Protein backbone atom coordinates (compact mmCIF):
# COMPACT_ATOMS: atom_id res chain seq x y z
CA UNK A 1 0.00 0.00 0.00
CA UNK A 2 1.08 3.56 -0.72
CA UNK A 3 1.20 6.37 1.82
CA UNK A 4 -0.93 9.51 1.68
CA UNK A 5 0.79 12.73 2.69
CA UNK A 6 -1.18 15.89 3.40
CA UNK A 7 -0.06 19.47 3.98
CA UNK A 8 -2.71 21.95 5.15
CA UNK A 9 -1.47 25.52 5.05
CA UNK A 10 -3.08 28.87 5.77
CA UNK A 11 -5.04 28.96 2.52
CA UNK A 12 -5.05 25.52 0.89
CA UNK A 13 -4.54 21.76 1.25
CA UNK A 14 -2.03 19.81 -0.83
CA UNK A 15 -1.99 16.03 -0.86
CA UNK A 16 -0.07 13.34 -2.69
CA UNK A 17 0.16 9.58 -2.72
CA UNK A 18 3.74 8.42 -2.41
CA UNK A 19 5.74 5.24 -2.68
CA UNK A 20 8.80 5.84 -0.53
CA UNK A 21 10.21 9.20 -1.63
CA UNK A 22 8.47 9.06 -5.01
CA UNK A 23 5.53 11.45 -5.13
CA UNK A 24 2.53 10.81 -7.30
CA UNK A 25 0.07 13.37 -8.66
CA UNK A 26 -0.50 16.24 -6.26
CA UNK A 27 -4.07 17.27 -5.44
CA UNK A 28 -4.99 20.75 -4.22
CA UNK A 29 -8.11 21.84 -2.35
CA UNK A 30 -9.09 25.28 -1.15
CA UNK A 31 -12.22 25.35 1.01
CA UNK A 32 -13.61 24.59 4.45
CA UNK A 33 -14.53 20.91 4.00
CA UNK A 34 -10.99 19.60 4.20
CA UNK A 35 -11.82 16.42 6.07
CA UNK A 36 -14.38 15.51 3.40
CA UNK A 37 -11.77 16.09 0.72
CA UNK A 38 -9.29 13.80 2.48
CA UNK A 39 -11.97 11.12 2.87
CA UNK A 40 -12.70 11.37 -0.85
CA UNK A 41 -9.06 10.40 -1.46
CA UNK A 42 -9.01 7.49 1.00
CA UNK A 43 -12.32 6.17 -0.35
CA UNK A 44 -10.54 5.29 -3.59
CA UNK A 45 -7.63 3.47 -1.97
CA UNK A 46 -6.67 2.70 1.63
CA UNK A 47 -3.24 4.13 2.53
CA UNK A 48 -0.75 2.31 4.72
CA UNK A 49 0.18 5.58 6.46
CA UNK A 50 -1.32 9.03 6.46
CA UNK A 51 1.12 11.79 7.37
CA UNK A 52 -0.75 14.99 8.22
CA UNK A 53 0.83 18.42 8.57
CA UNK A 54 -1.60 21.19 9.42
CA UNK A 55 -1.48 24.80 10.53
CA UNK A 56 -5.17 24.37 11.51
CA UNK A 57 -6.50 22.48 14.50
CA UNK A 58 -8.25 19.19 13.75
CA UNK A 59 -10.92 18.04 16.20
CA UNK A 60 -10.50 14.78 18.10
CA UNK A 61 -13.42 13.37 16.11
CA UNK A 62 -11.67 14.22 12.84
CA UNK A 63 -8.44 12.61 14.04
CA UNK A 64 -10.27 9.44 15.06
CA UNK A 65 -12.00 9.33 11.70
CA UNK A 66 -8.67 9.55 9.88
CA UNK A 67 -7.23 6.81 12.09
CA UNK A 68 -9.87 4.47 10.68
CA UNK A 69 -8.86 5.34 7.13
CA UNK A 70 -5.31 3.97 7.29
CA UNK A 71 -3.03 1.51 9.03
CA UNK A 72 -1.11 4.30 10.80
CA UNK A 73 -1.90 8.00 11.22
CA UNK A 74 1.14 10.23 11.82
CA UNK A 75 0.50 13.78 12.96
CA UNK A 76 3.49 15.91 12.04
CA UNK A 77 4.06 17.83 15.27
CA UNK A 78 6.54 18.34 18.07
CA UNK A 79 6.69 14.63 18.97
CA UNK A 80 7.80 13.83 15.42
CA UNK A 81 10.03 16.84 14.87
CA UNK A 82 11.94 16.35 18.11
CA UNK A 83 13.39 13.23 16.46
CA UNK A 84 14.92 15.51 13.84
CA UNK A 85 16.30 18.05 16.32
CA UNK A 86 13.92 20.80 15.16
CA UNK A 87 12.79 23.50 17.65
CA UNK A 88 9.30 23.03 19.09
CA UNK A 89 8.13 26.51 18.00
CA UNK A 90 8.50 25.55 14.33
CA UNK A 91 5.33 25.21 12.25
CA UNK A 92 4.86 21.78 10.62
CA UNK A 93 5.38 23.02 7.05
CA UNK A 94 8.67 24.75 7.87
CA UNK A 95 9.87 21.70 9.79
CA UNK A 96 9.02 19.39 6.87
CA UNK A 97 10.91 21.69 4.48
CA UNK A 98 13.97 21.48 6.71
CA UNK A 99 13.79 17.68 6.80
CA UNK A 100 13.53 17.53 3.00
CA UNK A 101 16.38 20.02 2.48
CA UNK A 102 18.70 18.00 4.71
CA UNK A 103 17.94 14.98 2.52
CA UNK A 104 18.22 16.76 -0.87
CA UNK A 105 21.25 18.92 -0.07
CA UNK A 106 23.15 16.75 2.36
CA UNK A 107 26.48 18.28 3.33
CA UNK A 108 25.52 21.72 1.98
CA UNK A 109 24.63 24.92 3.80
CA UNK A 110 21.11 26.03 2.89
CA UNK A 111 18.68 28.92 3.05
CA UNK A 112 15.09 27.78 2.59
CA UNK A 113 12.69 30.45 1.30
CA UNK A 114 9.00 29.52 1.55
CA UNK A 115 6.73 31.88 -0.40
CA UNK A 116 3.17 31.74 0.88
CA UNK A 117 0.92 33.80 3.13
CA UNK A 118 4.19 34.57 4.87
CA UNK A 119 7.73 34.62 3.51
CA UNK A 120 9.83 32.46 5.79
CA UNK A 121 13.59 32.02 5.60
CA UNK A 122 15.30 29.16 7.46
CA UNK A 123 19.04 28.55 7.74
CA UNK A 124 20.89 25.22 7.87
CA UNK A 125 24.62 24.64 8.30
CA UNK A 126 26.54 22.01 6.31
CA UNK A 127 25.72 19.37 8.91
CA UNK A 128 21.98 20.07 8.64
CA UNK A 129 21.83 21.84 12.01
CA UNK A 130 19.09 24.46 12.25
CA UNK A 131 20.59 27.92 12.74
CA UNK A 132 17.38 29.98 13.02
CA UNK A 133 14.96 31.71 10.70
CA UNK A 134 12.94 34.82 9.87
CA UNK A 135 9.31 35.58 9.01
CA UNK A 136 7.89 38.50 7.03
CA UNK A 137 4.62 39.05 5.11
CA UNK A 138 4.22 37.19 1.84
CA UNK A 139 3.48 38.76 -1.54
CA UNK A 140 -0.33 38.76 -1.41
CA UNK A 141 -0.34 39.58 2.29
CA UNK A 142 1.62 42.75 1.49
CA UNK A 143 -0.74 43.63 -1.36
CA UNK A 144 -3.84 43.08 0.81
CA UNK A 145 -2.43 45.05 3.73
CA UNK A 146 -1.89 48.14 1.56
CA UNK A 147 -5.57 48.07 0.64
CA UNK A 148 -6.83 47.21 4.12
CA UNK A 149 -4.81 49.72 6.13
CA UNK A 150 -5.12 52.72 3.79
CA UNK A 151 -8.14 54.63 2.54
CA UNK A 152 -7.06 55.22 -1.03
CA UNK A 153 -4.97 52.29 -2.28
CA UNK A 154 -6.72 49.63 -4.38
CA UNK A 155 -6.51 45.86 -3.89
CA UNK A 156 -4.49 44.34 -6.72
CA UNK A 157 -3.20 40.86 -7.49
CA UNK A 158 0.38 39.86 -8.21
CA UNK A 159 1.37 41.38 -11.58
CA UNK A 160 2.60 39.23 -14.44
CA UNK A 161 5.30 41.84 -15.04
CA UNK A 162 6.32 45.06 -13.35
CA UNK A 163 8.48 48.06 -14.09
CA UNK A 164 11.33 49.18 -11.85
CA UNK A 165 9.50 52.42 -11.10
CA UNK A 166 5.75 53.01 -10.93
CA UNK A 167 4.04 55.74 -12.97
CA UNK A 168 0.55 55.54 -11.45
CA UNK A 169 -0.98 54.13 -8.25
CA UNK A 170 -1.32 50.58 -9.55
CA UNK A 171 2.16 50.29 -11.07
CA UNK A 172 3.65 51.97 -8.00
CA UNK A 173 2.17 49.26 -5.77
CA UNK A 174 3.26 46.52 -8.16
CA UNK A 175 6.84 47.70 -8.46
CA UNK A 176 7.10 48.66 -4.79
CA UNK A 177 5.89 45.34 -3.38
CA UNK A 178 7.56 43.00 -5.87
CA UNK A 179 10.83 44.93 -5.94
CA UNK A 180 10.81 45.12 -2.16
CA UNK A 181 10.65 41.34 -1.87
CA UNK A 182 13.36 40.91 -4.52
CA UNK A 183 15.63 43.32 -2.63
CA UNK A 184 14.90 41.31 0.52
CA UNK A 185 15.87 38.06 -1.20
CA UNK A 186 19.00 39.54 -2.77
CA UNK A 187 20.00 40.88 0.63
CA UNK A 188 19.83 37.43 2.19
CA UNK A 189 21.72 35.85 -0.70
CA UNK A 190 24.47 38.45 -0.71
CA UNK A 191 24.87 38.17 3.06
CA UNK A 192 25.12 34.36 2.88
CA UNK A 193 26.88 33.55 -0.42
CA UNK A 194 28.10 30.22 0.99
CA UNK A 195 24.55 28.87 1.29
CA UNK A 196 22.42 27.19 -1.36
CA UNK A 197 19.14 29.09 -1.88
CA UNK A 198 16.08 26.82 -1.98
CA UNK A 199 12.74 28.31 -3.09
CA UNK A 200 9.44 26.61 -2.29
CA UNK A 201 5.79 27.51 -1.75
CA UNK A 202 3.05 28.95 -3.94
CA UNK A 203 4.99 31.96 -5.22
CA UNK A 204 8.38 30.25 -5.51
CA UNK A 205 8.40 30.07 -9.32
CA UNK A 206 7.09 33.65 -9.56
CA UNK A 207 10.18 34.95 -7.78
CA UNK A 208 12.61 32.33 -9.11
CA UNK A 209 12.04 33.77 -12.62
CA UNK A 210 12.98 37.23 -11.33
CA UNK A 211 16.26 36.27 -9.65
CA UNK A 212 19.68 36.84 -11.19
CA UNK A 213 21.28 34.48 -8.68
CA UNK A 214 21.37 30.70 -9.05
CA UNK A 215 18.68 29.09 -6.92
CA UNK A 216 16.93 25.71 -6.56
CA UNK A 217 13.14 25.78 -6.91
CA UNK A 218 11.47 22.74 -5.29
CA UNK A 219 7.71 23.18 -5.43
CA UNK A 220 6.81 20.14 -3.31
CA UNK A 221 9.50 20.49 -0.64
CA UNK A 222 7.03 20.18 2.25
CA UNK A 223 5.43 17.05 0.77
CA UNK A 224 8.89 15.54 0.26
CA UNK A 225 9.66 16.13 3.93
CA UNK A 226 6.41 14.45 4.95
CA UNK A 227 7.19 11.52 2.63
CA UNK A 228 10.57 11.14 4.32
CA UNK A 229 8.85 11.11 7.72
CA UNK A 230 6.67 8.24 6.48
CA UNK A 231 9.72 6.34 5.20
CA UNK A 232 11.74 6.82 8.40
CA UNK A 233 8.93 6.58 10.93
CA UNK A 234 9.46 2.94 11.92
CA UNK A 235 13.26 3.32 11.82
CA UNK A 236 13.11 6.17 14.31
CA UNK A 237 10.67 4.46 16.70
C-alpha atoms as a PDB file:
ATOM      1  CA  UNK A   1       0.000   0.000   0.000  1.00  0.00           C
ATOM      2  CA  UNK A   2       1.083   3.561  -0.723  1.00  0.00           C
ATOM      3  CA  UNK A   3       1.196   6.370   1.818  1.00  0.00           C
ATOM      4  CA  UNK A   4      -0.928   9.510   1.682  1.00  0.00           C
ATOM      5  CA  UNK A   5       0.789  12.725   2.695  1.00  0.00           C
ATOM      6  CA  UNK A   6      -1.178  15.892   3.395  1.00  0.00           C
ATOM      7  CA  UNK A   7      -0.060  19.468   3.977  1.00  0.00           C
ATOM      8  CA  UNK A   8      -2.705  21.949   5.154  1.00  0.00           C
ATOM      9  CA  UNK A   9      -1.475  25.523   5.052  1.00  0.00           C
ATOM     10  CA  UNK A  10      -3.084  28.867   5.768  1.00  0.00           C
ATOM     11  CA  UNK A  11      -5.038  28.962   2.516  1.00  0.00           C
ATOM     12  CA  UNK A  12      -5.048  25.520   0.887  1.00  0.00           C
ATOM     13  CA  UNK A  13      -4.535  21.764   1.254  1.00  0.00           C
ATOM     14  CA  UNK A  14      -2.033  19.815  -0.831  1.00  0.00           C
ATOM     15  CA  UNK A  15      -1.994  16.033  -0.858  1.00  0.00           C
ATOM     16  CA  UNK A  16      -0.073  13.345  -2.689  1.00  0.00           C
ATOM     17  CA  UNK A  17       0.157   9.576  -2.720  1.00  0.00           C
ATOM     18  CA  UNK A  18       3.737   8.422  -2.409  1.00  0.00           C
ATOM     19  CA  UNK A  19       5.736   5.240  -2.680  1.00  0.00           C
ATOM     20  CA  UNK A  20       8.796   5.843  -0.531  1.00  0.00           C
ATOM     21  CA  UNK A  21      10.208   9.203  -1.634  1.00  0.00           C
ATOM     22  CA  UNK A  22       8.473   9.056  -5.013  1.00  0.00           C
ATOM     23  CA  UNK A  23       5.533  11.451  -5.131  1.00  0.00           C
ATOM     24  CA  UNK A  24       2.528  10.815  -7.301  1.00  0.00           C
ATOM     25  CA  UNK A  25       0.072  13.366  -8.664  1.00  0.00           C
ATOM     26  CA  UNK A  26      -0.502  16.242  -6.256  1.00  0.00           C
ATOM     27  CA  UNK A  27      -4.074  17.269  -5.443  1.00  0.00           C
ATOM     28  CA  UNK A  28      -4.990  20.753  -4.224  1.00  0.00           C
ATOM     29  CA  UNK A  29      -8.108  21.842  -2.353  1.00  0.00           C
ATOM     30  CA  UNK A  30      -9.094  25.285  -1.149  1.00  0.00           C
ATOM     31  CA  UNK A  31     -12.220  25.347   1.006  1.00  0.00           C
ATOM     32  CA  UNK A  32     -13.608  24.595   4.452  1.00  0.00           C
ATOM     33  CA  UNK A  33     -14.533  20.907   4.000  1.00  0.00           C
ATOM     34  CA  UNK A  34     -10.988  19.601   4.199  1.00  0.00           C
ATOM     35  CA  UNK A  35     -11.822  16.416   6.070  1.00  0.00           C
ATOM     36  CA  UNK A  36     -14.381  15.505   3.402  1.00  0.00           C
ATOM     37  CA  UNK A  37     -11.770  16.088   0.716  1.00  0.00           C
ATOM     38  CA  UNK A  38      -9.286  13.799   2.483  1.00  0.00           C
ATOM     39  CA  UNK A  39     -11.971  11.122   2.868  1.00  0.00           C
ATOM     40  CA  UNK A  40     -12.705  11.367  -0.854  1.00  0.00           C
ATOM     41  CA  UNK A  41      -9.059  10.402  -1.460  1.00  0.00           C
ATOM     42  CA  UNK A  42      -9.013   7.493   0.995  1.00  0.00           C
ATOM     43  CA  UNK A  43     -12.324   6.172  -0.347  1.00  0.00           C
ATOM     44  CA  UNK A  44     -10.536   5.287  -3.590  1.00  0.00           C
ATOM     45  CA  UNK A  45      -7.625   3.465  -1.971  1.00  0.00           C
ATOM     46  CA  UNK A  46      -6.675   2.704   1.631  1.00  0.00           C
ATOM     47  CA  UNK A  47      -3.235   4.127   2.525  1.00  0.00           C
ATOM     48  CA  UNK A  48      -0.753   2.310   4.716  1.00  0.00           C
ATOM     49  CA  UNK A  49       0.184   5.578   6.455  1.00  0.00           C
ATOM     50  CA  UNK A  50      -1.324   9.033   6.455  1.00  0.00           C
ATOM     51  CA  UNK A  51       1.120  11.789   7.374  1.00  0.00           C
ATOM     52  CA  UNK A  52      -0.749  14.989   8.220  1.00  0.00           C
ATOM     53  CA  UNK A  53       0.835  18.418   8.573  1.00  0.00           C
ATOM     54  CA  UNK A  54      -1.604  21.189   9.416  1.00  0.00           C
ATOM     55  CA  UNK A  55      -1.484  24.804  10.534  1.00  0.00           C
ATOM     56  CA  UNK A  56      -5.165  24.369  11.506  1.00  0.00           C
ATOM     57  CA  UNK A  57      -6.504  22.478  14.497  1.00  0.00           C
ATOM     58  CA  UNK A  58      -8.253  19.192  13.748  1.00  0.00           C
ATOM     59  CA  UNK A  59     -10.916  18.041  16.201  1.00  0.00           C
ATOM     60  CA  UNK A  60     -10.499  14.784  18.097  1.00  0.00           C
ATOM     61  CA  UNK A  61     -13.421  13.369  16.115  1.00  0.00           C
ATOM     62  CA  UNK A  62     -11.667  14.221  12.837  1.00  0.00           C
ATOM     63  CA  UNK A  63      -8.440  12.609  14.039  1.00  0.00           C
ATOM     64  CA  UNK A  64     -10.273   9.435  15.058  1.00  0.00           C
ATOM     65  CA  UNK A  65     -11.997   9.329  11.695  1.00  0.00           C
ATOM     66  CA  UNK A  66      -8.670   9.548   9.880  1.00  0.00           C
ATOM     67  CA  UNK A  67      -7.225   6.812  12.094  1.00  0.00           C
ATOM     68  CA  UNK A  68      -9.875   4.467  10.685  1.00  0.00           C
ATOM     69  CA  UNK A  69      -8.857   5.335   7.130  1.00  0.00           C
ATOM     70  CA  UNK A  70      -5.306   3.970   7.289  1.00  0.00           C
ATOM     71  CA  UNK A  71      -3.030   1.514   9.029  1.00  0.00           C
ATOM     72  CA  UNK A  72      -1.111   4.304  10.805  1.00  0.00           C
ATOM     73  CA  UNK A  73      -1.902   7.998  11.219  1.00  0.00           C
ATOM     74  CA  UNK A  74       1.141  10.227  11.816  1.00  0.00           C
ATOM     75  CA  UNK A  75       0.504  13.785  12.957  1.00  0.00           C
ATOM     76  CA  UNK A  76       3.493  15.914  12.036  1.00  0.00           C
ATOM     77  CA  UNK A  77       4.060  17.830  15.267  1.00  0.00           C
ATOM     78  CA  UNK A  78       6.539  18.338  18.068  1.00  0.00           C
ATOM     79  CA  UNK A  79       6.687  14.633  18.972  1.00  0.00           C
ATOM     80  CA  UNK A  80       7.800  13.826  15.425  1.00  0.00           C
ATOM     81  CA  UNK A  81      10.025  16.835  14.867  1.00  0.00           C
ATOM     82  CA  UNK A  82      11.938  16.349  18.107  1.00  0.00           C
ATOM     83  CA  UNK A  83      13.391  13.225  16.460  1.00  0.00           C
ATOM     84  CA  UNK A  84      14.917  15.506  13.838  1.00  0.00           C
ATOM     85  CA  UNK A  85      16.300  18.054  16.321  1.00  0.00           C
ATOM     86  CA  UNK A  86      13.924  20.797  15.165  1.00  0.00           C
ATOM     87  CA  UNK A  87      12.787  23.504  17.649  1.00  0.00           C
ATOM     88  CA  UNK A  88       9.301  23.028  19.090  1.00  0.00           C
ATOM     89  CA  UNK A  89       8.130  26.507  17.997  1.00  0.00           C
ATOM     90  CA  UNK A  90       8.497  25.551  14.335  1.00  0.00           C
ATOM     91  CA  UNK A  91       5.325  25.208  12.255  1.00  0.00           C
ATOM     92  CA  UNK A  92       4.859  21.783  10.619  1.00  0.00           C
ATOM     93  CA  UNK A  93       5.377  23.022   7.055  1.00  0.00           C
ATOM     94  CA  UNK A  94       8.668  24.747   7.873  1.00  0.00           C
ATOM     95  CA  UNK A  95       9.869  21.698   9.795  1.00  0.00           C
ATOM     96  CA  UNK A  96       9.016  19.389   6.871  1.00  0.00           C
ATOM     97  CA  UNK A  97      10.910  21.695   4.481  1.00  0.00           C
ATOM     98  CA  UNK A  98      13.974  21.483   6.715  1.00  0.00           C
ATOM     99  CA  UNK A  99      13.792  17.685   6.805  1.00  0.00           C
ATOM    100  CA  UNK A 100      13.529  17.531   2.995  1.00  0.00           C
ATOM    101  CA  UNK A 101      16.379  20.020   2.477  1.00  0.00           C
ATOM    102  CA  UNK A 102      18.704  17.999   4.712  1.00  0.00           C
ATOM    103  CA  UNK A 103      17.942  14.984   2.515  1.00  0.00           C
ATOM    104  CA  UNK A 104      18.220  16.758  -0.873  1.00  0.00           C
ATOM    105  CA  UNK A 105      21.248  18.917  -0.074  1.00  0.00           C
ATOM    106  CA  UNK A 106      23.151  16.755   2.355  1.00  0.00           C
ATOM    107  CA  UNK A 107      26.479  18.279   3.326  1.00  0.00           C
ATOM    108  CA  UNK A 108      25.518  21.723   1.983  1.00  0.00           C
ATOM    109  CA  UNK A 109      24.633  24.925   3.798  1.00  0.00           C
ATOM    110  CA  UNK A 110      21.105  26.028   2.889  1.00  0.00           C
ATOM    111  CA  UNK A 111      18.678  28.923   3.045  1.00  0.00           C
ATOM    112  CA  UNK A 112      15.086  27.777   2.593  1.00  0.00           C
ATOM    113  CA  UNK A 113      12.693  30.446   1.304  1.00  0.00           C
ATOM    114  CA  UNK A 114       8.999  29.521   1.555  1.00  0.00           C
ATOM    115  CA  UNK A 115       6.728  31.877  -0.396  1.00  0.00           C
ATOM    116  CA  UNK A 116       3.170  31.744   0.883  1.00  0.00           C
ATOM    117  CA  UNK A 117       0.921  33.803   3.133  1.00  0.00           C
ATOM    118  CA  UNK A 118       4.192  34.567   4.875  1.00  0.00           C
ATOM    119  CA  UNK A 119       7.725  34.622   3.509  1.00  0.00           C
ATOM    120  CA  UNK A 120       9.833  32.459   5.793  1.00  0.00           C
ATOM    121  CA  UNK A 121      13.593  32.018   5.603  1.00  0.00           C
ATOM    122  CA  UNK A 122      15.303  29.164   7.457  1.00  0.00           C
ATOM    123  CA  UNK A 123      19.038  28.549   7.736  1.00  0.00           C
ATOM    124  CA  UNK A 124      20.889  25.216   7.874  1.00  0.00           C
ATOM    125  CA  UNK A 125      24.620  24.637   8.303  1.00  0.00           C
ATOM    126  CA  UNK A 126      26.535  22.011   6.309  1.00  0.00           C
ATOM    127  CA  UNK A 127      25.717  19.367   8.905  1.00  0.00           C
ATOM    128  CA  UNK A 128      21.979  20.068   8.643  1.00  0.00           C
ATOM    129  CA  UNK A 129      21.834  21.842  12.012  1.00  0.00           C
ATOM    130  CA  UNK A 130      19.094  24.457  12.249  1.00  0.00           C
ATOM    131  CA  UNK A 131      20.587  27.923  12.742  1.00  0.00           C
ATOM    132  CA  UNK A 132      17.381  29.975  13.017  1.00  0.00           C
ATOM    133  CA  UNK A 133      14.961  31.709  10.701  1.00  0.00           C
ATOM    134  CA  UNK A 134      12.943  34.818   9.869  1.00  0.00           C
ATOM    135  CA  UNK A 135       9.314  35.584   9.014  1.00  0.00           C
ATOM    136  CA  UNK A 136       7.892  38.495   7.033  1.00  0.00           C
ATOM    137  CA  UNK A 137       4.619  39.053   5.114  1.00  0.00           C
ATOM    138  CA  UNK A 138       4.220  37.186   1.839  1.00  0.00           C
ATOM    139  CA  UNK A 139       3.482  38.762  -1.536  1.00  0.00           C
ATOM    140  CA  UNK A 140      -0.325  38.758  -1.412  1.00  0.00           C
ATOM    141  CA  UNK A 141      -0.343  39.580   2.293  1.00  0.00           C
ATOM    142  CA  UNK A 142       1.616  42.748   1.485  1.00  0.00           C
ATOM    143  CA  UNK A 143      -0.743  43.628  -1.360  1.00  0.00           C
ATOM    144  CA  UNK A 144      -3.845  43.076   0.813  1.00  0.00           C
ATOM    145  CA  UNK A 145      -2.429  45.048   3.726  1.00  0.00           C
ATOM    146  CA  UNK A 146      -1.886  48.141   1.557  1.00  0.00           C
ATOM    147  CA  UNK A 147      -5.567  48.069   0.635  1.00  0.00           C
ATOM    148  CA  UNK A 148      -6.825  47.210   4.121  1.00  0.00           C
ATOM    149  CA  UNK A 149      -4.812  49.717   6.129  1.00  0.00           C
ATOM    150  CA  UNK A 150      -5.116  52.725   3.791  1.00  0.00           C
ATOM    151  CA  UNK A 151      -8.141  54.629   2.542  1.00  0.00           C
ATOM    152  CA  UNK A 152      -7.060  55.225  -1.031  1.00  0.00           C
ATOM    153  CA  UNK A 153      -4.965  52.294  -2.276  1.00  0.00           C
ATOM    154  CA  UNK A 154      -6.716  49.632  -4.381  1.00  0.00           C
ATOM    155  CA  UNK A 155      -6.510  45.862  -3.890  1.00  0.00           C
ATOM    156  CA  UNK A 156      -4.494  44.341  -6.719  1.00  0.00           C
ATOM    157  CA  UNK A 157      -3.200  40.858  -7.489  1.00  0.00           C
ATOM    158  CA  UNK A 158       0.376  39.863  -8.209  1.00  0.00           C
ATOM    159  CA  UNK A 159       1.368  41.377 -11.578  1.00  0.00           C
ATOM    160  CA  UNK A 160       2.604  39.233 -14.442  1.00  0.00           C
ATOM    161  CA  UNK A 161       5.304  41.836 -15.041  1.00  0.00           C
ATOM    162  CA  UNK A 162       6.320  45.060 -13.352  1.00  0.00           C
ATOM    163  CA  UNK A 163       8.485  48.062 -14.091  1.00  0.00           C
ATOM    164  CA  UNK A 164      11.333  49.176 -11.852  1.00  0.00           C
ATOM    165  CA  UNK A 165       9.496  52.418 -11.099  1.00  0.00           C
ATOM    166  CA  UNK A 166       5.746  53.012 -10.925  1.00  0.00           C
ATOM    167  CA  UNK A 167       4.040  55.741 -12.967  1.00  0.00           C
ATOM    168  CA  UNK A 168       0.555  55.540 -11.446  1.00  0.00           C
ATOM    169  CA  UNK A 169      -0.977  54.129  -8.251  1.00  0.00           C
ATOM    170  CA  UNK A 170      -1.322  50.580  -9.550  1.00  0.00           C
ATOM    171  CA  UNK A 171       2.156  50.286 -11.066  1.00  0.00           C
ATOM    172  CA  UNK A 172       3.651  51.968  -7.997  1.00  0.00           C
ATOM    173  CA  UNK A 173       2.167  49.264  -5.772  1.00  0.00           C
ATOM    174  CA  UNK A 174       3.264  46.519  -8.161  1.00  0.00           C
ATOM    175  CA  UNK A 175       6.843  47.701  -8.464  1.00  0.00           C
ATOM    176  CA  UNK A 176       7.097  48.656  -4.791  1.00  0.00           C
ATOM    177  CA  UNK A 177       5.890  45.338  -3.383  1.00  0.00           C
ATOM    178  CA  UNK A 178       7.557  42.997  -5.873  1.00  0.00           C
ATOM    179  CA  UNK A 179      10.834  44.933  -5.943  1.00  0.00           C
ATOM    180  CA  UNK A 180      10.811  45.124  -2.158  1.00  0.00           C
ATOM    181  CA  UNK A 181      10.648  41.339  -1.872  1.00  0.00           C
ATOM    182  CA  UNK A 182      13.364  40.910  -4.522  1.00  0.00           C
ATOM    183  CA  UNK A 183      15.629  43.322  -2.628  1.00  0.00           C
ATOM    184  CA  UNK A 184      14.900  41.314   0.520  1.00  0.00           C
ATOM    185  CA  UNK A 185      15.866  38.059  -1.204  1.00  0.00           C
ATOM    186  CA  UNK A 186      18.996  39.541  -2.770  1.00  0.00           C
ATOM    187  CA  UNK A 187      20.001  40.881   0.628  1.00  0.00           C
ATOM    188  CA  UNK A 188      19.832  37.427   2.192  1.00  0.00           C
ATOM    189  CA  UNK A 189      21.715  35.851  -0.701  1.00  0.00           C
ATOM    190  CA  UNK A 190      24.472  38.454  -0.709  1.00  0.00           C
ATOM    191  CA  UNK A 191      24.873  38.166   3.055  1.00  0.00           C
ATOM    192  CA  UNK A 192      25.115  34.362   2.885  1.00  0.00           C
ATOM    193  CA  UNK A 193      26.881  33.549  -0.421  1.00  0.00           C
ATOM    194  CA  UNK A 194      28.098  30.221   0.995  1.00  0.00           C
ATOM    195  CA  UNK A 195      24.552  28.874   1.292  1.00  0.00           C
ATOM    196  CA  UNK A 196      22.415  27.192  -1.365  1.00  0.00           C
ATOM    197  CA  UNK A 197      19.139  29.091  -1.885  1.00  0.00           C
ATOM    198  CA  UNK A 198      16.084  26.817  -1.979  1.00  0.00           C
ATOM    199  CA  UNK A 199      12.743  28.315  -3.090  1.00  0.00           C
ATOM    200  CA  UNK A 200       9.444  26.606  -2.294  1.00  0.00           C
ATOM    201  CA  UNK A 201       5.789  27.511  -1.750  1.00  0.00           C
ATOM    202  CA  UNK A 202       3.050  28.946  -3.939  1.00  0.00           C
ATOM    203  CA  UNK A 203       4.987  31.960  -5.219  1.00  0.00           C
ATOM    204  CA  UNK A 204       8.382  30.251  -5.511  1.00  0.00           C
ATOM    205  CA  UNK A 205       8.399  30.072  -9.315  1.00  0.00           C
ATOM    206  CA  UNK A 206       7.093  33.652  -9.555  1.00  0.00           C
ATOM    207  CA  UNK A 207      10.185  34.947  -7.778  1.00  0.00           C
ATOM    208  CA  UNK A 208      12.606  32.332  -9.115  1.00  0.00           C
ATOM    209  CA  UNK A 209      12.037  33.767 -12.620  1.00  0.00           C
ATOM    210  CA  UNK A 210      12.983  37.227 -11.334  1.00  0.00           C
ATOM    211  CA  UNK A 211      16.260  36.268  -9.651  1.00  0.00           C
ATOM    212  CA  UNK A 212      19.676  36.835 -11.188  1.00  0.00           C
ATOM    213  CA  UNK A 213      21.282  34.485  -8.676  1.00  0.00           C
ATOM    214  CA  UNK A 214      21.369  30.704  -9.046  1.00  0.00           C
ATOM    215  CA  UNK A 215      18.679  29.085  -6.915  1.00  0.00           C
ATOM    216  CA  UNK A 216      16.932  25.707  -6.561  1.00  0.00           C
ATOM    217  CA  UNK A 217      13.136  25.782  -6.911  1.00  0.00           C
ATOM    218  CA  UNK A 218      11.473  22.735  -5.285  1.00  0.00           C
ATOM    219  CA  UNK A 219       7.707  23.179  -5.430  1.00  0.00           C
ATOM    220  CA  UNK A 220       6.815  20.137  -3.314  1.00  0.00           C
ATOM    221  CA  UNK A 221       9.499  20.493  -0.643  1.00  0.00           C
ATOM    222  CA  UNK A 222       7.026  20.176   2.255  1.00  0.00           C
ATOM    223  CA  UNK A 223       5.431  17.050   0.771  1.00  0.00           C
ATOM    224  CA  UNK A 224       8.887  15.539   0.259  1.00  0.00           C
ATOM    225  CA  UNK A 225       9.662  16.135   3.929  1.00  0.00           C
ATOM    226  CA  UNK A 226       6.412  14.447   4.945  1.00  0.00           C
ATOM    227  CA  UNK A 227       7.186  11.517   2.631  1.00  0.00           C
ATOM    228  CA  UNK A 228      10.569  11.143   4.317  1.00  0.00           C
ATOM    229  CA  UNK A 229       8.851  11.108   7.722  1.00  0.00           C
ATOM    230  CA  UNK A 230       6.671   8.244   6.476  1.00  0.00           C
ATOM    231  CA  UNK A 231       9.718   6.338   5.197  1.00  0.00           C
ATOM    232  CA  UNK A 232      11.737   6.816   8.398  1.00  0.00           C
ATOM    233  CA  UNK A 233       8.928   6.575  10.934  1.00  0.00           C
ATOM    234  CA  UNK A 234       9.462   2.943  11.920  1.00  0.00           C
ATOM    235  CA  UNK A 235      13.255   3.317  11.815  1.00  0.00           C
ATOM    236  CA  UNK A 236      13.106   6.172  14.310  1.00  0.00           C
ATOM    237  CA  UNK A 237      10.668   4.460  16.704  1.00  0.00           C
END
